[in-house]
Amino acid sequence: MSALLEISDLHAGYGSAEVLFGIDLALAQGNVAALLGRNGMGKTTTIKCLTGLLPVRGGSIRFAGKEIAGLTPEAIARQGLAVVPEGRQIFPNLSVRENLTAFAGNRAGSQDPWTFDKVIAFLPRLGQRLSNMGNQLSGGEQQMLAIGRALMTNPHLLILDEATEGLAPLIREEIWRCLATLKSAGQSILVIDKYVEKLLPLADGHTILERGRVAWTGSSALLSQDREVWTRYLGV
């Protein structure tokens, strides 16, 4: 299976502080990759580099065979990356319908693209809130709207940063089911989340960061068997 995303020897930081020290990560087309680690280990910084929000100080980020390190966030998004950011960041003064339709596009050139009607059918809670403003939604509804908004772009790669953080258990389960359905449909996904048990059946591969370096990488089967890795690097 061909590589969709290849991050090689990635270095980045803030001001004089180095945060990433040679990160490597690969994601094959149609697969799900999990980026794991305790808070402050470099996960979100990696995503910021990938999406052009933070300059890369060294290394390479190749997406669909093209180097994207150094491109603007807008140019990278047009390549077919869509992010469900930590904190959701939906437009509070736009309705659910407006939040979705504002992002409509087909960046992946899909022959069967996500449309407004398909997203509503996939996330039916949103269909009950179409006229509600973003700030009138619950946290779970806002997260679903953020996912639907990303799907409306028809991305090659869907990136979720702490997709279930702070949500009620029932809403978390609903989001995990949505991600499993997307994977079965061939959607490539990069996900950051702390619920390792839920990631094991979903992700094809896992990369664990520790103080800005790759501490462990491997399959779900390997991670499931090595509970010492969980204790050492994930605090669970």
C-alpha atoms as a PDB file:
ATOM      1  CA  MET A   1       0.000   0.000   0.000  1.00  0.00           C
ATOM      2  CA  SER A   2       1.468   3.348  -1.020  1.00  0.00           C
ATOM      3  CA  ALA A   3       2.481   5.961   1.550  1.00  0.00           C
ATOM      4  CA  LEU A   4       0.172   8.955   1.752  1.00  0.00           C
ATOM      5  CA  LEU A   5       2.094  10.778   4.490  1.00  0.00           C
ATOM      6  CA  GLU A   6       5.815  10.555   5.256  1.00  0.00           C
ATOM      7  CA  ILE A   7       7.338  12.661   8.043  1.00  0.00           C
ATOM      8  CA  SER A   8      11.116  12.254   8.191  1.00  0.00           C
ATOM      9  CA  ASP A   9      13.603  13.647  10.736  1.00  0.00           C
ATOM     10  CA  LEU A  10      11.244  16.491  11.666  1.00  0.00           C
ATOM     11  CA  HIS A  11      12.678  19.260  13.856  1.00  0.00           C
ATOM     12  CA  ALA A  12      10.650  22.202  15.175  1.00  0.00           C
ATOM     13  CA  GLY A  13      10.247  24.471  18.155  1.00  0.00           C
ATOM     14  CA  TYR A  14       9.133  27.787  19.564  1.00  0.00           C
ATOM     15  CA  GLY A  15      11.595  30.667  19.815  1.00  0.00           C
ATOM     16  CA  SER A  16      14.885  29.330  21.107  1.00  0.00           C
ATOM     17  CA  ALA A  17      13.276  26.164  22.485  1.00  0.00           C
ATOM     18  CA  GLU A  18      13.559  22.983  20.427  1.00  0.00           C
ATOM     19  CA  VAL A  19      10.471  20.774  20.820  1.00  0.00           C
ATOM     20  CA  LEU A  20      10.750  18.102  18.129  1.00  0.00           C
ATOM     21  CA  PHE A  21      14.005  16.202  17.691  1.00  0.00           C
ATOM     22  CA  GLY A  22      13.857  14.146  14.522  1.00  0.00           C
ATOM     23  CA  ILE A  23      10.292  12.799  14.372  1.00  0.00           C
ATOM     24  CA  ASP A  24       9.528  10.032  11.873  1.00  0.00           C
ATOM     25  CA  LEU A  25       5.977   8.970  11.060  1.00  0.00           C
ATOM     26  CA  ALA A  26       4.392   7.250   8.063  1.00  0.00           C
ATOM     27  CA  LEU A  27       0.788   6.634   7.083  1.00  0.00           C
ATOM     28  CA  ALA A  28      -0.278   4.421   4.192  1.00  0.00           C
ATOM     29  CA  GLN A  29      -3.202   5.295   1.962  1.00  0.00           C
ATOM     30  CA  GLY A  30      -6.429   4.060   3.545  1.00  0.00           C
ATOM     31  CA  ASN A  31      -4.878   3.373   6.946  1.00  0.00           C
ATOM     32  CA  VAL A  32      -5.347   4.874  10.396  1.00  0.00           C
ATOM     33  CA  ALA A  33      -2.315   6.021  12.387  1.00  0.00           C
ATOM     34  CA  ALA A  34      -2.342   7.030  16.054  1.00  0.00           C
ATOM     35  CA  LEU A  35       0.047   9.582  17.527  1.00  0.00           C
ATOM     36  CA  LEU A  36       0.345   8.980  21.262  1.00  0.00           C
ATOM     37  CA  GLY A  37       2.143  10.319  24.307  1.00  0.00           C
ATOM     38  CA  ARG A  38       1.597  12.218  27.523  1.00  0.00           C
ATOM     39  CA  ASN A  39       0.725  15.910  27.470  1.00  0.00           C
ATOM     40  CA  GLY A  40       3.552  18.173  26.349  1.00  0.00           C
ATOM     41  CA  MET A  41       5.488  15.502  24.446  1.00  0.00           C
ATOM     42  CA  GLY A  42       5.170  17.095  20.999  1.00  0.00           C
ATOM     43  CA  LYS A  43       1.987  15.663  19.497  1.00  0.00           C
ATOM     44  CA  THR A  44       0.200  18.932  18.792  1.00  0.00           C
ATOM     45  CA  THR A  45       3.454  20.539  17.684  1.00  0.00           C
ATOM     46  CA  THR A  46       3.794  17.767  15.104  1.00  0.00           C
ATOM     47  CA  ILE A  47       0.275  18.500  13.844  1.00  0.00           C
ATOM     48  CA  LYS A  48       1.054  22.227  13.668  1.00  0.00           C
ATOM     49  CA  CYS A  49       4.064  21.476  11.473  1.00  0.00           C
ATOM     50  CA  LEU A  50       2.038  19.131   9.304  1.00  0.00           C
ATOM     51  CA  THR A  51      -0.646  21.752   8.720  1.00  0.00           C
ATOM     52  CA  GLY A  52       1.720  24.689   8.198  1.00  0.00           C
ATOM     53  CA  LEU A  53       0.894  26.504  11.434  1.00  0.00           C
ATOM     54  CA  LEU A  54       4.470  26.175  12.722  1.00  0.00           C
ATOM     55  CA  PRO A  55       7.641  26.501  10.629  1.00  0.00           C
ATOM     56  CA  VAL A  56       9.723  23.374  10.176  1.00  0.00           C
ATOM     57  CA  ARG A  57      13.349  23.779  11.247  1.00  0.00           C
ATOM     58  CA  GLY A  58      14.582  20.606   9.649  1.00  0.00           C
ATOM     59  CA  GLY A  59      13.445  17.408   8.008  1.00  0.00           C
ATOM     60  CA  SER A  60      10.781  16.603   5.464  1.00  0.00           C
ATOM     61  CA  ILE A  61       6.996  16.274   5.288  1.00  0.00           C
ATOM     62  CA  ARG A  62       5.806  14.572   2.124  1.00  0.00           C
ATOM     63  CA  PHE A  63       2.114  14.265   1.367  1.00  0.00           C
ATOM     64  CA  ALA A  64       0.859  12.313  -1.637  1.00  0.00           C
ATOM     65  CA  GLY A  65       4.400  12.372  -2.975  1.00  0.00           C
ATOM     66  CA  LYS A  66       4.857  16.147  -2.639  1.00  0.00           C
ATOM     67  CA  GLU A  67       6.958  18.111  -0.150  1.00  0.00           C
ATOM     68  CA  ILE A  68       4.623  20.334   1.871  1.00  0.00           C
ATOM     69  CA  ALA A  69       6.966  21.605   4.590  1.00  0.00           C
ATOM     70  CA  GLY A  70       7.157  25.365   4.190  1.00  0.00           C
ATOM     71  CA  LEU A  71       3.813  25.763   2.438  1.00  0.00           C
ATOM     72  CA  THR A  72       1.129  28.016   3.913  1.00  0.00           C
ATOM     73  CA  PRO A  73      -1.769  26.451   5.851  1.00  0.00           C
ATOM     74  CA  GLU A  74      -4.104  27.352   2.987  1.00  0.00           C
ATOM     75  CA  ALA A  75      -1.896  25.669   0.391  1.00  0.00           C
ATOM     76  CA  ILE A  76      -1.566  22.560   2.535  1.00  0.00           C
ATOM     77  CA  ALA A  77      -5.327  22.386   3.087  1.00  0.00           C
ATOM     78  CA  ARG A  78      -5.840  22.546  -0.671  1.00  0.00           C
ATOM     79  CA  GLN A  79      -3.664  19.451  -1.019  1.00  0.00           C
ATOM     80  CA  GLY A  80      -6.404  17.536   0.799  1.00  0.00           C
ATOM     81  CA  LEU A  81      -5.648  17.698   4.524  1.00  0.00           C
ATOM     82  CA  ALA A  82      -8.519  18.456   6.903  1.00  0.00           C
ATOM     83  CA  VAL A  83      -8.151  18.931  10.639  1.00  0.00           C
ATOM     84  CA  VAL A  84     -10.572  18.451  13.501  1.00  0.00           C
ATOM     85  CA  PRO A  85      -8.622  20.642  15.914  1.00  0.00           C
ATOM     86  CA  GLU A  86      -8.304  20.358  19.650  1.00  0.00           C
ATOM     87  CA  GLY A  87     -11.064  22.493  21.137  1.00  0.00           C
ATOM     88  CA  ARG A  88     -13.179  22.061  17.968  1.00  0.00           C
ATOM     89  CA  GLN A  89     -12.939  25.751  16.903  1.00  0.00           C
ATOM     90  CA  ILE A  90     -16.222  25.877  15.027  1.00  0.00           C
ATOM     91  CA  PHE A  91     -17.685  29.264  14.072  1.00  0.00           C
ATOM     92  CA  PRO A  92     -19.907  30.207  17.043  1.00  0.00           C
ATOM     93  CA  ASN A  93     -21.886  32.871  15.135  1.00  0.00           C
ATOM     94  CA  LEU A  94     -22.753  30.637  12.180  1.00  0.00           C
ATOM     95  CA  SER A  95     -25.513  28.047  12.112  1.00  0.00           C
ATOM     96  CA  VAL A  96     -24.795  24.349  11.806  1.00  0.00           C
ATOM     97  CA  ARG A  97     -25.877  24.509   8.163  1.00  0.00           C
ATOM     98  CA  GLU A  98     -23.574  27.470   7.506  1.00  0.00           C
ATOM     99  CA  ASN A  99     -20.630  25.851   9.287  1.00  0.00           C
ATOM    100  CA  LEU A 100     -20.968  22.857   6.979  1.00  0.00           C
ATOM    101  CA  THR A 101     -21.723  24.507   3.656  1.00  0.00           C
ATOM    102  CA  ALA A 102     -18.922  27.058   4.077  1.00  0.00           C
ATOM    103  CA  PHE A 103     -16.396  24.232   3.732  1.00  0.00           C
ATOM    104  CA  ALA A 104     -17.960  22.326   0.840  1.00  0.00           C
ATOM    105  CA  GLY A 105     -15.437  21.101  -1.703  1.00  0.00           C
ATOM    106  CA  ASN A 106     -13.921  17.991  -3.233  1.00  0.00           C
ATOM    107  CA  ARG A 107     -10.199  18.271  -2.606  1.00  0.00           C
ATOM    108  CA  ALA A 108      -9.631  14.552  -3.059  1.00  0.00           C
ATOM    109  CA  GLY A 109     -11.482  14.487  -6.371  1.00  0.00           C
ATOM    110  CA  SER A 110     -13.754  11.723  -5.101  1.00  0.00           C
ATOM    111  CA  GLN A 111     -16.220  10.178  -7.518  1.00  0.00           C
ATOM    112  CA  ASP A 112     -18.642   9.718  -4.621  1.00  0.00           C
ATOM    113  CA  PRO A 113     -17.966  12.821  -2.520  1.00  0.00           C
ATOM    114  CA  TRP A 114     -19.303  13.826   0.839  1.00  0.00           C
ATOM    115  CA  THR A 115     -22.199  16.222   0.400  1.00  0.00           C
ATOM    116  CA  PHE A 116     -24.307  18.158   2.879  1.00  0.00           C
ATOM    117  CA  ASP A 117     -27.011  15.483   2.794  1.00  0.00           C
ATOM    118  CA  LYS A 118     -24.507  12.657   3.258  1.00  0.00           C
ATOM    119  CA  VAL A 119     -22.863  14.341   6.219  1.00  0.00           C
ATOM    120  CA  ILE A 120     -26.242  14.892   7.886  1.00  0.00           C
ATOM    121  CA  ALA A 121     -27.153  11.244   7.302  1.00  0.00           C
ATOM    122  CA  PHE A 122     -23.801  10.192   8.774  1.00  0.00           C
ATOM    123  CA  LEU A 123     -24.124  12.533  11.778  1.00  0.00           C
ATOM    124  CA  PRO A 124     -27.895  12.692  12.356  1.00  0.00           C
ATOM    125  CA  ARG A 125     -27.584  14.760  15.545  1.00  0.00           C
ATOM    126  CA  LEU A 126     -26.548  17.654  13.335  1.00  0.00           C
ATOM    127  CA  GLY A 127     -29.713  17.310  11.284  1.00  0.00           C
ATOM    128  CA  GLN A 128     -31.724  18.172  14.399  1.00  0.00           C
ATOM    129  CA  ARG A 129     -29.696  21.355  14.964  1.00  0.00           C
ATOM    130  CA  LEU A 130     -29.338  22.875  11.496  1.00  0.00           C
ATOM    131  CA  SER A 131     -30.611  26.314  12.484  1.00  0.00           C
ATOM    132  CA  ASN A 132     -28.751  26.438  15.808  1.00  0.00           C
ATOM    133  CA  MET A 133     -25.695  28.646  16.103  1.00  0.00           C
ATOM    134  CA  GLY A 134     -22.398  26.974  16.861  1.00  0.00           C
ATOM    135  CA  ASN A 135     -22.353  28.363  20.390  1.00  0.00           C
ATOM    136  CA  GLN A 136     -25.770  26.838  21.088  1.00  0.00           C
ATOM    137  CA  LEU A 137     -24.484  23.275  20.688  1.00  0.00           C
ATOM    138  CA  SER A 138     -23.270  20.925  23.374  1.00  0.00           C
ATOM    139  CA  GLY A 139     -19.616  19.928  23.407  1.00  0.00           C
ATOM    140  CA  GLY A 140     -20.413  16.631  21.740  1.00  0.00           C
ATOM    141  CA  GLU A 141     -22.502  18.286  19.055  1.00  0.00           C
ATOM    142  CA  GLN A 142     -19.723  20.793  18.400  1.00  0.00           C
ATOM    143  CA  GLN A 143     -17.252  17.925  17.960  1.00  0.00           C
ATOM    144  CA  MET A 144     -19.553  16.208  15.494  1.00  0.00           C
ATOM    145  CA  LEU A 145     -19.923  19.496  13.632  1.00  0.00           C
ATOM    146  CA  ALA A 146     -16.134  19.820  13.487  1.00  0.00           C
ATOM    147  CA  ILE A 147     -15.916  16.306  12.029  1.00  0.00           C
ATOM    148  CA  GLY A 148     -18.699  17.008   9.547  1.00  0.00           C
ATOM    149  CA  ARG A 149     -17.052  20.275   8.524  1.00  0.00           C
ATOM    150  CA  ALA A 150     -13.806  18.421   7.797  1.00  0.00           C
ATOM    151  CA  LEU A 151     -15.624  15.748   5.797  1.00  0.00           C
ATOM    152  CA  MET A 152     -17.305  18.415   3.677  1.00  0.00           C
ATOM    153  CA  THR A 153     -13.889  19.185   2.178  1.00  0.00           C
ATOM    154  CA  ASN A 154     -13.564  15.541   1.022  1.00  0.00           C
ATOM    155  CA  PRO A 155      -9.996  15.242   2.306  1.00  0.00           C
ATOM    156  CA  HIS A 156      -7.324  12.733   1.398  1.00  0.00           C
ATOM    157  CA  LEU A 157      -6.295  12.774   5.067  1.00  0.00           C
ATOM    158  CA  LEU A 158      -8.477  13.474   8.097  1.00  0.00           C
ATOM    159  CA  ILE A 159      -6.547  14.602  11.191  1.00  0.00           C
ATOM    160  CA  LEU A 160      -8.186  14.540  14.620  1.00  0.00           C
ATOM    161  CA  ASP A 161      -6.434  16.231  17.550  1.00  0.00           C
ATOM    162  CA  GLU A 162      -7.928  14.993  20.857  1.00  0.00           C
ATOM    163  CA  ALA A 163     -11.218  14.111  19.182  1.00  0.00           C
ATOM    164  CA  THR A 164     -12.904  12.800  22.342  1.00  0.00           C
ATOM    165  CA  GLU A 165     -11.330  15.077  24.967  1.00  0.00           C
ATOM    166  CA  GLY A 166     -13.804  16.247  27.612  1.00  0.00           C
ATOM    167  CA  LEU A 167     -16.812  14.488  26.111  1.00  0.00           C
ATOM    168  CA  ALA A 168     -19.390  12.298  27.824  1.00  0.00           C
ATOM    169  CA  PRO A 169     -18.820   8.523  27.459  1.00  0.00           C
ATOM    170  CA  LEU A 170     -21.838   8.006  25.192  1.00  0.00           C
ATOM    171  CA  ILE A 171     -20.671  10.759  22.840  1.00  0.00           C
ATOM    172  CA  ARG A 172     -17.142   9.319  22.815  1.00  0.00           C
ATOM    173  CA  GLU A 173     -18.541   5.948  21.791  1.00  0.00           C
ATOM    174  CA  GLU A 174     -20.508   7.567  18.986  1.00  0.00           C
ATOM    175  CA  ILE A 175     -17.373   9.263  17.673  1.00  0.00           C
ATOM    176  CA  TRP A 176     -15.394   6.005  17.810  1.00  0.00           C
ATOM    177  CA  ARG A 177     -18.150   4.334  15.765  1.00  0.00           C
ATOM    178  CA  CYS A 178     -17.995   7.170  13.242  1.00  0.00           C
ATOM    179  CA  LEU A 179     -14.226   6.783  12.873  1.00  0.00           C
ATOM    180  CA  ALA A 180     -14.540   3.013  12.428  1.00  0.00           C
ATOM    181  CA  THR A 181     -17.113   3.584   9.672  1.00  0.00           C
ATOM    182  CA  LEU A 182     -14.827   6.102   7.960  1.00  0.00           C
ATOM    183  CA  LYS A 183     -11.929   3.660   8.097  1.00  0.00           C
ATOM    184  CA  SER A 184     -14.043   0.884   6.578  1.00  0.00           C
ATOM    185  CA  ALA A 185     -14.842   3.277   3.724  1.00  0.00           C
ATOM    186  CA  GLY A 186     -11.119   3.774   3.049  1.00  0.00           C
ATOM    187  CA  GLN A 187     -10.618   7.178   4.677  1.00  0.00           C
ATOM    188  CA  SER A 188      -7.015   7.820   5.750  1.00  0.00           C
ATOM    189  CA  ILE A 189      -6.931   9.119   9.322  1.00  0.00           C
ATOM    190  CA  LEU A 190      -4.296  10.448  11.720  1.00  0.00           C
ATOM    191  CA  VAL A 191      -5.649  10.594  15.269  1.00  0.00           C
ATOM    192  CA  ILE A 192      -4.363  11.877  18.591  1.00  0.00           C
ATOM    193  CA  ASP A 193      -6.241  10.578  21.612  1.00  0.00           C
ATOM    194  CA  LYS A 194      -5.556   9.229  25.079  1.00  0.00           C
ATOM    195  CA  TYR A 195      -7.988   6.310  24.994  1.00  0.00           C
ATOM    196  CA  VAL A 196      -5.542   3.639  23.890  1.00  0.00           C
ATOM    197  CA  GLU A 197      -7.998   0.778  24.346  1.00  0.00           C
ATOM    198  CA  LYS A 198     -10.298   2.376  21.774  1.00  0.00           C
ATOM    199  CA  LEU A 199      -7.447   3.064  19.369  1.00  0.00           C
ATOM    200  CA  LEU A 200      -6.195  -0.530  19.306  1.00  0.00           C
ATOM    201  CA  PRO A 201      -9.010  -1.903  17.087  1.00  0.00           C
ATOM    202  CA  LEU A 202      -9.076   1.269  14.990  1.00  0.00           C
ATOM    203  CA  ALA A 203      -5.441   2.124  14.230  1.00  0.00           C
ATOM    204  CA  ASP A 204      -3.116   0.168  11.973  1.00  0.00           C
ATOM    205  CA  GLY A 205      -0.009   1.686  13.540  1.00  0.00           C
ATOM    206  CA  HIS A 206       0.989   3.745  16.564  1.00  0.00           C
ATOM    207  CA  THR A 207       3.777   6.248  17.163  1.00  0.00           C
ATOM    208  CA  ILE A 208       4.540   7.252  20.755  1.00  0.00           C
ATOM    209  CA  LEU A 209       6.358  10.498  21.472  1.00  0.00           C
ATOM    210  CA  GLU A 210       8.447  11.157  24.563  1.00  0.00           C
ATOM    211  CA  ARG A 211       9.980  14.617  25.015  1.00  0.00           C
ATOM    212  CA  GLY A 212       9.877  15.380  21.316  1.00  0.00           C
ATOM    213  CA  ARG A 213      11.345  12.092  20.146  1.00  0.00           C
ATOM    214  CA  VAL A 214       9.849   8.854  18.856  1.00  0.00           C
ATOM    215  CA  ALA A 215      10.004   6.467  21.790  1.00  0.00           C
ATOM    216  CA  TRP A 216       8.090   3.564  20.254  1.00  0.00           C
ATOM    217  CA  THR A 217       6.376   2.645  17.016  1.00  0.00           C
ATOM    218  CA  GLY A 218       4.498  -0.455  15.991  1.00  0.00           C
ATOM    219  CA  SER A 219       1.212  -2.158  15.222  1.00  0.00           C
ATOM    220  CA  SER A 220      -1.864  -2.452  17.416  1.00  0.00           C
ATOM    221  CA  ALA A 221      -1.033  -6.109  18.012  1.00  0.00           C
ATOM    222  CA  LEU A 222       2.428  -5.231  19.331  1.00  0.00           C
ATOM    223  CA  LEU A 223       1.134  -2.378  21.486  1.00  0.00           C
ATOM    224  CA  SER A 224      -1.601  -4.550  22.936  1.00  0.00           C
ATOM    225  CA  GLN A 225       0.952  -7.154  24.004  1.00  0.00           C
ATOM    226  CA  ASP A 226       3.478  -4.755  25.546  1.00  0.00           C
ATOM    227  CA  ARG A 227       1.795  -3.195  28.578  1.00  0.00           C
ATOM    228  CA  GLU A 228       5.171  -1.988  29.845  1.00  0.00           C
ATOM    229  CA  VAL A 229       5.118   0.541  26.997  1.00  0.00           C
ATOM    230  CA  TRP A 230       1.758   1.809  28.243  1.00  0.00           C
ATOM    231  CA  THR A 231       3.104   2.314  31.760  1.00  0.00           C
ATOM    232  CA  ARG A 232       6.370   3.891  30.671  1.00  0.00           C
ATOM    233  CA  TYR A 233       5.121   6.308  28.043  1.00  0.00           C
ATOM    234  CA  LEU A 234       1.354   6.685  28.337  1.00  0.00           C
ATOM    235  CA  GLY A 235       0.755   6.726  32.055  1.00  0.00           C
ATOM    236  CA  VAL A 236      -2.047   4.158  31.941  1.00  0.00           C
END
